[in-house]
């Protein structure tokens, strides 16, 4: 048995404290083992390529090791990590112009008057998953991030305010707009 076996059952907060305090890469491996698969899946949802998702996952964890000290513990570590991963992937998409998400057919108009429709959560949940995945690829990465955090990762509004560094009403408005955009995009797909 390795020396890290003692620490494998530590809760995330305690493990992170030890990693940051000691800059211990061996302990960081425990954190990596806990979250690598879910981070990979989130990276894959942005890259659509196994190789790119693997590279992004490694980049996320490399940056995570550097930035781990900025985790304040105000939200669950898993929520913070998901937000960290989404931000990393959004930046990746925005940096790579050829990878920018575009609708090959008609551009999606972003007029505020068109986004005033109210979209309830049930209409999001009732969408066909294959068509919804395609719509998620076509919307702005920031909209995709907030929708995935809220509906895939079940991050509550209160935690979203902390993760995004904005007020509750701003989170609700961003969610409302993102839901309107995903529904509009979804409805334009064949």
N, C-alpha and C. Protein backbone atom coordinates (compact mmCIF):
# COMPACT_ATOMS: atom_id res chain seq x y z
N UNK A 1 0.83 -1.20 0.00
CA UNK A 1 0.00 0.00 0.00
C UNK A 1 0.86 1.25 0.00
N UNK A 2 0.43 2.25 -0.76
CA UNK A 2 1.19 3.48 -0.85
C UNK A 2 0.93 4.38 0.34
N UNK A 3 1.78 5.38 0.50
CA UNK A 3 1.62 6.30 1.62
C UNK A 3 0.38 7.17 1.48
N UNK A 4 -0.15 7.31 0.26
CA UNK A 4 -1.34 8.13 0.04
C UNK A 4 -2.63 7.44 0.46
N UNK A 5 -2.59 6.13 0.69
CA UNK A 5 -3.78 5.38 1.06
C UNK A 5 -4.44 5.97 2.30
N UNK A 6 -3.64 6.50 3.21
CA UNK A 6 -4.14 7.10 4.43
C UNK A 6 -5.04 8.30 4.12
N UNK A 7 -4.74 9.01 3.04
CA UNK A 7 -5.44 10.25 2.72
C UNK A 7 -6.60 10.07 1.75
N UNK A 8 -6.77 8.88 1.19
CA UNK A 8 -7.80 8.66 0.17
C UNK A 8 -9.21 8.91 0.68
N UNK A 9 -9.44 8.72 1.96
CA UNK A 9 -10.79 8.90 2.51
C UNK A 9 -11.03 10.30 3.06
N UNK A 10 -10.03 11.17 2.96
CA UNK A 10 -10.21 12.55 3.43
C UNK A 10 -11.27 13.25 2.59
N UNK A 11 -12.12 14.06 3.23
CA UNK A 11 -13.06 14.88 2.46
C UNK A 11 -12.28 15.87 1.59
N UNK A 12 -12.90 16.34 0.52
CA UNK A 12 -12.24 17.24 -0.43
C UNK A 12 -11.58 18.43 0.26
N UNK A 13 -12.30 19.09 1.16
CA UNK A 13 -11.77 20.30 1.81
C UNK A 13 -10.46 20.02 2.54
N UNK A 14 -10.42 18.93 3.29
CA UNK A 14 -9.21 18.60 4.05
C UNK A 14 -8.06 18.23 3.11
N UNK A 15 -8.39 17.47 2.09
CA UNK A 15 -7.39 17.06 1.12
C UNK A 15 -6.81 18.29 0.42
N UNK A 16 -7.66 19.21 0.02
CA UNK A 16 -7.22 20.43 -0.65
C UNK A 16 -6.32 21.25 0.27
N UNK A 17 -6.71 21.36 1.53
CA UNK A 17 -5.90 22.10 2.49
C UNK A 17 -4.49 21.51 2.56
N UNK A 18 -4.39 20.18 2.62
CA UNK A 18 -3.08 19.52 2.70
C UNK A 18 -2.29 19.71 1.41
N UNK A 19 -2.98 19.62 0.27
CA UNK A 19 -2.29 19.79 -1.02
C UNK A 19 -1.71 21.20 -1.12
N UNK A 20 -2.53 22.20 -0.78
CA UNK A 20 -2.09 23.60 -0.89
C UNK A 20 -0.97 23.88 0.11
N UNK A 21 -1.15 23.40 1.32
CA UNK A 21 -0.16 23.65 2.38
C UNK A 21 1.19 23.03 2.03
N UNK A 22 1.16 21.79 1.53
CA UNK A 22 2.40 21.04 1.30
C UNK A 22 2.86 21.07 -0.16
N UNK A 23 2.01 21.62 -1.06
CA UNK A 23 2.31 21.57 -2.51
C UNK A 23 2.65 20.12 -2.91
N UNK A 24 1.86 19.21 -2.42
CA UNK A 24 2.12 17.78 -2.56
C UNK A 24 1.44 17.22 -3.81
N UNK A 25 2.22 16.93 -4.84
CA UNK A 25 1.66 16.40 -6.09
C UNK A 25 1.13 14.98 -5.91
N UNK A 26 1.68 14.24 -4.97
CA UNK A 26 1.20 12.88 -4.72
C UNK A 26 -0.22 12.91 -4.17
N UNK A 27 -0.49 13.86 -3.27
CA UNK A 27 -1.85 14.00 -2.75
C UNK A 27 -2.79 14.53 -3.83
N UNK A 28 -2.26 15.36 -4.71
CA UNK A 28 -3.07 15.89 -5.80
C UNK A 28 -3.58 14.76 -6.70
N UNK A 29 -2.82 13.68 -6.79
CA UNK A 29 -3.24 12.53 -7.59
C UNK A 29 -4.56 11.95 -7.07
N UNK A 30 -4.77 12.01 -5.76
CA UNK A 30 -6.03 11.52 -5.18
C UNK A 30 -7.19 12.37 -5.70
N UNK A 31 -6.99 13.68 -5.67
CA UNK A 31 -8.01 14.59 -6.19
C UNK A 31 -8.25 14.34 -7.67
N UNK A 32 -7.17 14.13 -8.41
CA UNK A 32 -7.26 13.83 -9.84
C UNK A 32 -8.09 12.56 -10.05
N UNK A 33 -7.79 11.52 -9.29
CA UNK A 33 -8.53 10.26 -9.44
C UNK A 33 -10.02 10.43 -9.14
N UNK A 34 -10.35 11.28 -8.21
CA UNK A 34 -11.75 11.51 -7.85
C UNK A 34 -12.53 12.21 -8.97
N UNK A 35 -11.87 13.11 -9.68
CA UNK A 35 -12.60 14.00 -10.59
C UNK A 35 -12.20 13.93 -12.06
N UNK A 36 -11.21 13.15 -12.41
CA UNK A 36 -10.71 13.14 -13.80
C UNK A 36 -11.81 12.76 -14.80
N UNK A 37 -12.60 11.76 -14.48
CA UNK A 37 -13.62 11.30 -15.42
C UNK A 37 -14.68 12.38 -15.69
N UNK A 38 -15.15 13.02 -14.63
CA UNK A 38 -16.19 14.03 -14.81
C UNK A 38 -15.61 15.27 -15.52
N UNK A 39 -14.37 15.63 -15.23
CA UNK A 39 -13.73 16.76 -15.93
C UNK A 39 -13.56 16.41 -17.40
N UNK A 40 -13.12 15.18 -17.67
CA UNK A 40 -12.97 14.74 -19.06
C UNK A 40 -14.30 14.86 -19.81
N UNK A 41 -15.39 14.40 -19.20
CA UNK A 41 -16.71 14.45 -19.84
C UNK A 41 -17.13 15.89 -20.13
N UNK A 42 -16.85 16.79 -19.22
CA UNK A 42 -17.20 18.19 -19.44
C UNK A 42 -16.33 18.78 -20.55
N UNK A 43 -15.05 18.42 -20.57
CA UNK A 43 -14.16 18.89 -21.65
C UNK A 43 -14.61 18.32 -22.99
N UNK A 44 -15.02 17.07 -22.99
CA UNK A 44 -15.47 16.44 -24.23
C UNK A 44 -16.71 17.14 -24.78
N UNK A 45 -17.58 17.60 -23.88
CA UNK A 45 -18.80 18.28 -24.34
C UNK A 45 -18.46 19.58 -25.07
N UNK A 46 -17.28 20.13 -24.83
CA UNK A 46 -16.86 21.34 -25.54
C UNK A 46 -16.01 21.01 -26.76
N UNK A 47 -15.24 19.94 -26.72
CA UNK A 47 -14.27 19.68 -27.79
C UNK A 47 -14.77 18.70 -28.84
N UNK A 48 -15.57 17.74 -28.45
CA UNK A 48 -16.11 16.71 -29.35
C UNK A 48 -15.01 15.82 -29.95
N UNK A 49 -13.88 15.74 -29.30
CA UNK A 49 -12.79 14.90 -29.77
C UNK A 49 -12.11 14.29 -28.55
N UNK A 50 -11.88 12.97 -28.59
CA UNK A 50 -11.24 12.29 -27.46
C UNK A 50 -9.88 12.91 -27.15
N UNK A 51 -9.09 13.11 -28.18
CA UNK A 51 -7.73 13.62 -28.00
C UNK A 51 -7.76 15.02 -27.40
N UNK A 52 -8.60 15.90 -27.95
CA UNK A 52 -8.71 17.25 -27.41
C UNK A 52 -9.22 17.24 -25.98
N UNK A 53 -10.21 16.38 -25.70
CA UNK A 53 -10.76 16.30 -24.35
C UNK A 53 -9.69 15.81 -23.37
N UNK A 54 -8.87 14.87 -23.80
CA UNK A 54 -7.77 14.40 -22.94
C UNK A 54 -6.78 15.52 -22.68
N UNK A 55 -6.43 16.25 -23.73
CA UNK A 55 -5.49 17.38 -23.57
C UNK A 55 -6.09 18.46 -22.68
N UNK A 56 -7.35 18.78 -22.90
CA UNK A 56 -8.01 19.79 -22.08
C UNK A 56 -8.08 19.35 -20.62
N UNK A 57 -8.36 18.07 -20.39
CA UNK A 57 -8.42 17.55 -19.03
C UNK A 57 -7.08 17.72 -18.33
N UNK A 58 -6.01 17.37 -19.03
CA UNK A 58 -4.67 17.55 -18.45
C UNK A 58 -4.39 19.02 -18.17
N UNK A 59 -4.77 19.89 -19.10
CA UNK A 59 -4.57 21.33 -18.92
C UNK A 59 -5.37 21.87 -17.74
N UNK A 60 -6.62 21.39 -17.60
CA UNK A 60 -7.46 21.81 -16.49
C UNK A 60 -6.79 21.43 -15.17
N UNK A 61 -6.31 20.20 -15.07
CA UNK A 61 -5.70 19.76 -13.81
C UNK A 61 -4.36 20.44 -13.54
N UNK A 62 -3.63 20.74 -14.58
CA UNK A 62 -2.39 21.49 -14.40
C UNK A 62 -2.69 22.88 -13.85
N UNK A 63 -3.66 23.56 -14.45
CA UNK A 63 -4.06 24.88 -13.98
C UNK A 63 -4.70 24.79 -12.59
N UNK A 64 -5.44 23.72 -12.35
CA UNK A 64 -6.06 23.52 -11.05
C UNK A 64 -5.01 23.43 -9.95
N UNK A 65 -3.94 22.70 -10.21
CA UNK A 65 -2.89 22.58 -9.20
C UNK A 65 -2.32 23.96 -8.86
N UNK A 66 -2.17 24.80 -9.87
CA UNK A 66 -1.64 26.14 -9.67
C UNK A 66 -2.63 27.03 -8.93
N UNK A 67 -3.93 26.89 -9.25
CA UNK A 67 -4.96 27.78 -8.72
C UNK A 67 -5.71 27.21 -7.51
N UNK A 68 -5.36 26.03 -7.07
CA UNK A 68 -6.11 25.37 -6.00
C UNK A 68 -6.21 26.22 -4.74
N UNK A 69 -5.20 27.02 -4.48
CA UNK A 69 -5.22 27.89 -3.31
C UNK A 69 -6.30 28.95 -3.36
N UNK A 70 -6.85 29.22 -4.54
CA UNK A 70 -7.90 30.23 -4.65
C UNK A 70 -9.29 29.66 -4.31
N UNK A 71 -9.37 28.35 -4.10
CA UNK A 71 -10.63 27.75 -3.68
C UNK A 71 -10.90 28.19 -2.24
N UNK A 72 -12.02 28.89 -2.04
CA UNK A 72 -12.30 29.48 -0.73
C UNK A 72 -13.12 28.56 0.18
N UNK A 73 -13.75 27.55 -0.38
CA UNK A 73 -14.56 26.66 0.44
C UNK A 73 -15.98 27.17 0.65
N UNK A 74 -16.37 28.27 -0.01
CA UNK A 74 -17.73 28.79 0.15
C UNK A 74 -18.76 27.91 -0.53
N UNK A 75 -18.35 27.22 -1.59
CA UNK A 75 -19.25 26.29 -2.28
C UNK A 75 -18.60 24.91 -2.24
N UNK A 76 -19.37 23.90 -2.63
CA UNK A 76 -18.81 22.55 -2.68
C UNK A 76 -17.65 22.55 -3.67
N UNK A 77 -16.62 21.78 -3.38
CA UNK A 77 -15.47 21.74 -4.28
C UNK A 77 -15.89 21.25 -5.67
N UNK A 78 -16.77 20.26 -5.73
CA UNK A 78 -17.18 19.73 -7.04
C UNK A 78 -17.83 20.83 -7.88
N UNK A 79 -18.66 21.67 -7.29
CA UNK A 79 -19.28 22.78 -8.03
C UNK A 79 -18.23 23.77 -8.48
N UNK A 80 -17.29 24.08 -7.60
CA UNK A 80 -16.21 25.01 -7.94
C UNK A 80 -15.38 24.45 -9.09
N UNK A 81 -15.07 23.16 -9.01
CA UNK A 81 -14.28 22.51 -10.06
C UNK A 81 -15.04 22.50 -11.39
N UNK A 82 -16.35 22.24 -11.37
CA UNK A 82 -17.13 22.26 -12.60
C UNK A 82 -17.09 23.64 -13.22
N UNK A 83 -17.26 24.67 -12.40
CA UNK A 83 -17.22 26.04 -12.90
C UNK A 83 -15.83 26.36 -13.45
N UNK A 84 -14.81 25.94 -12.75
CA UNK A 84 -13.42 26.13 -13.18
C UNK A 84 -13.21 25.47 -14.54
N UNK A 85 -13.71 24.24 -14.69
CA UNK A 85 -13.58 23.50 -15.94
C UNK A 85 -14.34 24.18 -17.07
N UNK A 86 -15.58 24.59 -16.79
CA UNK A 86 -16.38 25.28 -17.81
C UNK A 86 -15.69 26.56 -18.26
N UNK A 87 -15.18 27.33 -17.29
CA UNK A 87 -14.48 28.57 -17.65
C UNK A 87 -13.28 28.28 -18.52
N UNK A 88 -12.53 27.26 -18.18
CA UNK A 88 -11.35 26.88 -18.96
C UNK A 88 -11.77 26.51 -20.38
N UNK A 89 -12.82 25.71 -20.50
CA UNK A 89 -13.28 25.27 -21.82
C UNK A 89 -13.86 26.42 -22.64
N UNK A 90 -14.59 27.32 -21.99
CA UNK A 90 -15.14 28.48 -22.69
C UNK A 90 -13.99 29.32 -23.24
N UNK A 91 -12.97 29.53 -22.43
CA UNK A 91 -11.79 30.27 -22.89
C UNK A 91 -11.11 29.55 -24.04
N UNK A 92 -11.06 28.24 -23.97
CA UNK A 92 -10.46 27.44 -25.05
C UNK A 92 -11.23 27.64 -26.35
N UNK A 93 -12.55 27.55 -26.27
CA UNK A 93 -13.39 27.72 -27.46
C UNK A 93 -13.21 29.12 -28.02
N UNK A 94 -13.20 30.11 -27.16
CA UNK A 94 -13.07 31.49 -27.62
C UNK A 94 -11.69 31.78 -28.20
N UNK A 95 -10.66 31.11 -27.71
CA UNK A 95 -9.29 31.31 -28.22
C UNK A 95 -9.12 30.71 -29.61
N UNK A 96 -9.79 29.63 -29.87
CA UNK A 96 -9.62 28.92 -31.13
C UNK A 96 -10.71 29.35 -32.10
N UNK A 97 -10.39 30.34 -32.89
CA UNK A 97 -11.37 30.93 -33.81
C UNK A 97 -11.99 29.87 -34.73
N UNK A 98 -11.19 28.95 -35.23
CA UNK A 98 -11.73 27.94 -36.13
C UNK A 98 -12.68 26.98 -35.41
N UNK A 99 -12.63 26.96 -34.08
CA UNK A 99 -13.51 26.10 -33.30
C UNK A 99 -14.73 26.86 -32.78
N UNK A 100 -14.81 28.15 -33.12
CA UNK A 100 -15.94 28.93 -32.64
C UNK A 100 -17.25 28.26 -33.04
N UNK A 101 -18.18 28.28 -32.15
CA UNK A 101 -19.46 27.65 -32.40
C UNK A 101 -20.30 28.58 -33.26
N UNK A 102 -20.71 28.07 -34.43
CA UNK A 102 -21.51 28.86 -35.36
C UNK A 102 -22.67 28.02 -35.89
N UNK A 103 -23.72 28.66 -36.24
CA UNK A 103 -24.82 27.99 -36.90
C UNK A 103 -24.59 28.15 -38.40
N UNK A 104 -24.41 27.05 -39.07
CA UNK A 104 -24.10 27.10 -40.50
C UNK A 104 -25.28 27.64 -41.31
N UNK A 105 -26.47 27.47 -40.79
CA UNK A 105 -27.62 27.98 -41.55
C UNK A 105 -27.85 29.44 -41.18
N UNK A 106 -29.00 29.76 -40.65
CA UNK A 106 -29.32 31.15 -40.33
C UNK A 106 -28.71 31.54 -38.99
N UNK A 107 -28.16 32.74 -38.89
CA UNK A 107 -27.63 33.18 -37.60
C UNK A 107 -28.77 33.36 -36.60
N UNK A 108 -28.47 33.08 -35.37
CA UNK A 108 -29.48 33.21 -34.33
C UNK A 108 -29.50 34.66 -33.88
N UNK A 109 -30.65 35.28 -34.03
CA UNK A 109 -30.76 36.69 -33.66
C UNK A 109 -30.82 36.80 -32.15
N UNK A 110 -30.16 37.81 -31.65
CA UNK A 110 -30.04 37.99 -30.22
C UNK A 110 -30.77 39.26 -29.78
N UNK A 111 -31.90 39.53 -30.35
CA UNK A 111 -32.65 40.72 -29.99
C UNK A 111 -33.37 40.49 -28.67
N UNK A 112 -33.26 41.46 -27.77
CA UNK A 112 -33.86 41.33 -26.44
C UNK A 112 -35.36 41.06 -26.52
N UNK A 113 -36.05 41.71 -27.48
CA UNK A 113 -37.51 41.53 -27.55
C UNK A 113 -37.86 40.08 -27.87
N UNK A 114 -36.99 39.37 -28.58
CA UNK A 114 -37.26 37.97 -28.88
C UNK A 114 -36.98 37.08 -27.67
N UNK A 115 -36.20 37.58 -26.72
CA UNK A 115 -35.82 36.76 -25.56
C UNK A 115 -36.73 37.00 -24.36
N UNK A 116 -37.78 37.73 -24.56
CA UNK A 116 -38.67 38.02 -23.45
C UNK A 116 -39.63 36.87 -23.15
N UNK A 117 -39.58 35.81 -23.96
CA UNK A 117 -40.44 34.67 -23.68
C UNK A 117 -40.00 34.01 -22.38
N UNK A 118 -40.96 33.55 -21.63
CA UNK A 118 -40.66 32.84 -20.39
C UNK A 118 -40.49 31.36 -20.71
N UNK A 119 -39.39 30.80 -20.25
CA UNK A 119 -39.13 29.38 -20.47
C UNK A 119 -39.08 28.71 -19.11
N UNK A 120 -40.00 27.79 -18.88
CA UNK A 120 -39.96 27.08 -17.61
C UNK A 120 -39.01 25.89 -17.71
N UNK A 121 -38.58 25.41 -16.57
CA UNK A 121 -37.60 24.31 -16.52
C UNK A 121 -38.14 23.05 -17.19
N UNK A 122 -39.45 22.82 -17.10
CA UNK A 122 -40.02 21.61 -17.69
C UNK A 122 -39.80 21.56 -19.20
N UNK A 123 -39.86 22.71 -19.86
CA UNK A 123 -39.66 22.69 -21.31
C UNK A 123 -38.21 22.36 -21.64
N UNK A 124 -37.27 22.72 -20.78
CA UNK A 124 -35.86 22.34 -20.98
C UNK A 124 -35.72 20.83 -20.79
N UNK A 125 -36.34 20.32 -19.71
CA UNK A 125 -36.22 18.89 -19.40
C UNK A 125 -36.89 18.00 -20.44
N UNK A 126 -37.89 18.52 -21.16
CA UNK A 126 -38.63 17.69 -22.11
C UNK A 126 -38.01 17.67 -23.52
N UNK A 127 -36.92 18.40 -23.71
CA UNK A 127 -36.29 18.44 -25.04
C UNK A 127 -35.64 17.10 -25.37
N UNK A 128 -35.65 16.74 -26.64
CA UNK A 128 -34.98 15.52 -27.10
C UNK A 128 -33.48 15.69 -26.90
N UNK A 129 -32.83 14.70 -26.30
CA UNK A 129 -31.43 14.87 -25.92
C UNK A 129 -30.50 15.05 -27.12
N UNK A 130 -30.73 14.32 -28.22
CA UNK A 130 -29.83 14.47 -29.37
C UNK A 130 -29.95 15.86 -29.97
N UNK A 131 -31.16 16.36 -30.05
CA UNK A 131 -31.39 17.70 -30.60
C UNK A 131 -30.89 18.77 -29.62
N UNK A 132 -31.06 18.52 -28.34
CA UNK A 132 -30.58 19.45 -27.32
C UNK A 132 -29.05 19.55 -27.34
N UNK A 133 -28.37 18.42 -27.52
CA UNK A 133 -26.90 18.43 -27.61
C UNK A 133 -26.45 19.29 -28.79
N UNK A 134 -27.14 19.17 -29.91
CA UNK A 134 -26.81 19.96 -31.09
C UNK A 134 -27.04 21.45 -30.80
N UNK A 135 -28.16 21.76 -30.15
CA UNK A 135 -28.46 23.16 -29.81
C UNK A 135 -27.41 23.71 -28.86
N UNK A 136 -26.95 22.92 -27.90
CA UNK A 136 -25.92 23.36 -26.96
C UNK A 136 -24.61 23.69 -27.68
N UNK A 137 -24.32 22.97 -28.76
CA UNK A 137 -23.11 23.24 -29.53
C UNK A 137 -23.21 24.57 -30.27
N UNK A 138 -24.43 25.02 -30.54
CA UNK A 138 -24.63 26.22 -31.35
C UNK A 138 -24.76 27.51 -30.55
N UNK A 139 -25.05 27.40 -29.27
CA UNK A 139 -25.22 28.63 -28.49
C UNK A 139 -23.87 29.12 -27.98
N UNK A 140 -23.87 30.34 -27.49
CA UNK A 140 -22.68 30.95 -26.93
C UNK A 140 -22.13 30.10 -25.77
N UNK A 141 -20.82 29.92 -25.69
CA UNK A 141 -20.23 29.10 -24.62
C UNK A 141 -20.61 29.57 -23.21
N UNK A 142 -20.78 30.87 -23.01
CA UNK A 142 -21.17 31.37 -21.69
C UNK A 142 -22.58 30.90 -21.33
N UNK A 143 -23.48 30.91 -22.31
CA UNK A 143 -24.84 30.39 -22.08
C UNK A 143 -24.79 28.90 -21.79
N UNK A 144 -23.98 28.19 -22.55
CA UNK A 144 -23.84 26.75 -22.35
C UNK A 144 -23.32 26.47 -20.94
N UNK A 145 -22.35 27.24 -20.50
CA UNK A 145 -21.75 27.04 -19.19
C UNK A 145 -22.80 27.15 -18.09
N UNK A 146 -23.57 28.23 -18.11
CA UNK A 146 -24.53 28.45 -17.02
C UNK A 146 -25.66 27.41 -17.05
N UNK A 147 -26.07 27.02 -18.27
CA UNK A 147 -27.12 25.99 -18.37
C UNK A 147 -26.61 24.64 -17.86
N UNK A 148 -25.39 24.27 -18.21
CA UNK A 148 -24.85 22.99 -17.76
C UNK A 148 -24.61 22.98 -16.26
N UNK A 149 -24.11 24.08 -15.72
CA UNK A 149 -23.93 24.15 -14.27
C UNK A 149 -25.26 23.98 -13.54
N UNK A 150 -26.28 24.66 -14.04
CA UNK A 150 -27.58 24.63 -13.36
C UNK A 150 -28.31 23.30 -13.56
N UNK A 151 -28.39 22.83 -14.80
CA UNK A 151 -29.26 21.69 -15.09
C UNK A 151 -28.54 20.35 -15.17
N UNK A 152 -27.27 20.33 -15.50
CA UNK A 152 -26.56 19.06 -15.54
C UNK A 152 -25.90 18.77 -14.20
N UNK A 153 -25.31 19.81 -13.61
CA UNK A 153 -24.58 19.62 -12.36
C UNK A 153 -25.40 19.99 -11.13
N UNK A 154 -26.63 20.44 -11.33
CA UNK A 154 -27.55 20.78 -10.23
C UNK A 154 -26.96 21.78 -9.24
N UNK A 155 -26.25 22.77 -9.74
CA UNK A 155 -25.68 23.79 -8.86
C UNK A 155 -26.80 24.79 -8.54
N UNK A 156 -27.09 24.98 -7.25
CA UNK A 156 -28.16 25.92 -6.87
C UNK A 156 -27.80 27.37 -7.20
N UNK A 157 -28.82 28.21 -7.30
CA UNK A 157 -28.64 29.63 -7.61
C UNK A 157 -27.64 30.27 -6.65
N UNK A 158 -27.78 29.97 -5.36
CA UNK A 158 -26.89 30.56 -4.36
C UNK A 158 -25.43 30.25 -4.66
N UNK A 159 -25.14 29.00 -5.02
CA UNK A 159 -23.76 28.64 -5.37
C UNK A 159 -23.33 29.29 -6.68
N UNK A 160 -24.26 29.40 -7.63
CA UNK A 160 -23.93 30.06 -8.89
C UNK A 160 -23.51 31.52 -8.66
N UNK A 161 -24.15 32.18 -7.71
CA UNK A 161 -23.77 33.57 -7.42
C UNK A 161 -22.33 33.64 -6.95
N UNK A 162 -21.93 32.67 -6.13
CA UNK A 162 -20.55 32.65 -5.62
C UNK A 162 -19.56 32.25 -6.72
N UNK A 163 -19.94 31.26 -7.51
CA UNK A 163 -19.04 30.77 -8.56
C UNK A 163 -18.83 31.81 -9.66
N UNK A 164 -19.89 32.53 -10.01
CA UNK A 164 -19.81 33.50 -11.10
C UNK A 164 -19.47 34.90 -10.62
N UNK A 165 -19.53 35.11 -9.31
CA UNK A 165 -19.19 36.42 -8.75
C UNK A 165 -20.18 37.51 -9.11
N UNK A 166 -21.46 37.13 -9.24
CA UNK A 166 -22.51 38.10 -9.55
C UNK A 166 -23.67 37.89 -8.60
N UNK A 167 -24.58 38.84 -8.57
CA UNK A 167 -25.73 38.76 -7.67
C UNK A 167 -26.77 37.75 -8.13
N UNK A 168 -27.67 37.45 -7.21
CA UNK A 168 -28.71 36.46 -7.49
C UNK A 168 -29.60 36.87 -8.66
N UNK A 169 -29.98 38.14 -8.72
CA UNK A 169 -30.85 38.59 -9.81
C UNK A 169 -30.11 38.50 -11.15
N UNK A 170 -28.80 38.76 -11.15
CA UNK A 170 -28.01 38.64 -12.38
C UNK A 170 -27.92 37.18 -12.84
N UNK A 171 -27.77 36.27 -11.89
CA UNK A 171 -27.74 34.84 -12.22
C UNK A 171 -29.08 34.43 -12.83
N UNK A 172 -30.16 34.86 -12.19
CA UNK A 172 -31.49 34.50 -12.69
C UNK A 172 -31.73 35.07 -14.09
N UNK A 173 -31.26 36.29 -14.33
CA UNK A 173 -31.43 36.91 -15.65
C UNK A 173 -30.60 36.16 -16.69
N UNK A 174 -29.36 35.82 -16.35
CA UNK A 174 -28.52 35.07 -17.30
C UNK A 174 -29.13 33.71 -17.61
N UNK A 175 -29.68 33.06 -16.59
CA UNK A 175 -30.33 31.77 -16.81
C UNK A 175 -31.55 31.94 -17.71
N UNK A 176 -32.33 32.97 -17.44
CA UNK A 176 -33.54 33.22 -18.23
C UNK A 176 -33.16 33.44 -19.70
N UNK A 177 -32.15 34.26 -19.94
CA UNK A 177 -31.73 34.53 -21.31
C UNK A 177 -31.13 33.28 -21.97
N UNK A 178 -30.33 32.54 -21.22
CA UNK A 178 -29.71 31.32 -21.78
C UNK A 178 -30.79 30.30 -22.12
N UNK A 179 -31.81 30.19 -21.27
CA UNK A 179 -32.91 29.25 -21.56
C UNK A 179 -33.66 29.69 -22.80
N UNK A 180 -33.90 30.99 -22.93
CA UNK A 180 -34.61 31.49 -24.11
C UNK A 180 -33.79 31.21 -25.37
N UNK A 181 -32.47 31.40 -25.29
CA UNK A 181 -31.61 31.17 -26.45
C UNK A 181 -31.56 29.69 -26.82
N UNK A 182 -31.49 28.81 -25.82
CA UNK A 182 -31.42 27.37 -26.13
C UNK A 182 -32.74 26.91 -26.73
N UNK A 183 -33.85 27.41 -26.24
CA UNK A 183 -35.16 27.03 -26.79
C UNK A 183 -35.28 27.56 -28.22
N UNK A 184 -34.87 28.80 -28.46
CA UNK A 184 -34.93 29.38 -29.80
C UNK A 184 -34.06 28.57 -30.76
N UNK A 185 -32.85 28.24 -30.34
CA UNK A 185 -31.93 27.45 -31.17
C UNK A 185 -32.49 26.06 -31.41
N UNK A 186 -32.98 25.45 -30.37
CA UNK A 186 -33.57 24.10 -30.44
C UNK A 186 -34.71 24.08 -31.46
N UNK A 187 -35.58 25.09 -31.40
CA UNK A 187 -36.75 25.13 -32.28
C UNK A 187 -36.37 25.38 -33.74
N UNK A 188 -35.21 25.95 -34.02
CA UNK A 188 -34.76 26.17 -35.38
C UNK A 188 -34.12 24.93 -36.01
N UNK A 189 -33.80 23.96 -35.16
CA UNK A 189 -33.17 22.73 -35.69
C UNK A 189 -34.21 21.82 -36.32
N UNK A 190 -33.77 21.07 -37.33
CA UNK A 190 -34.74 20.15 -38.00
C UNK A 190 -35.11 19.00 -37.08
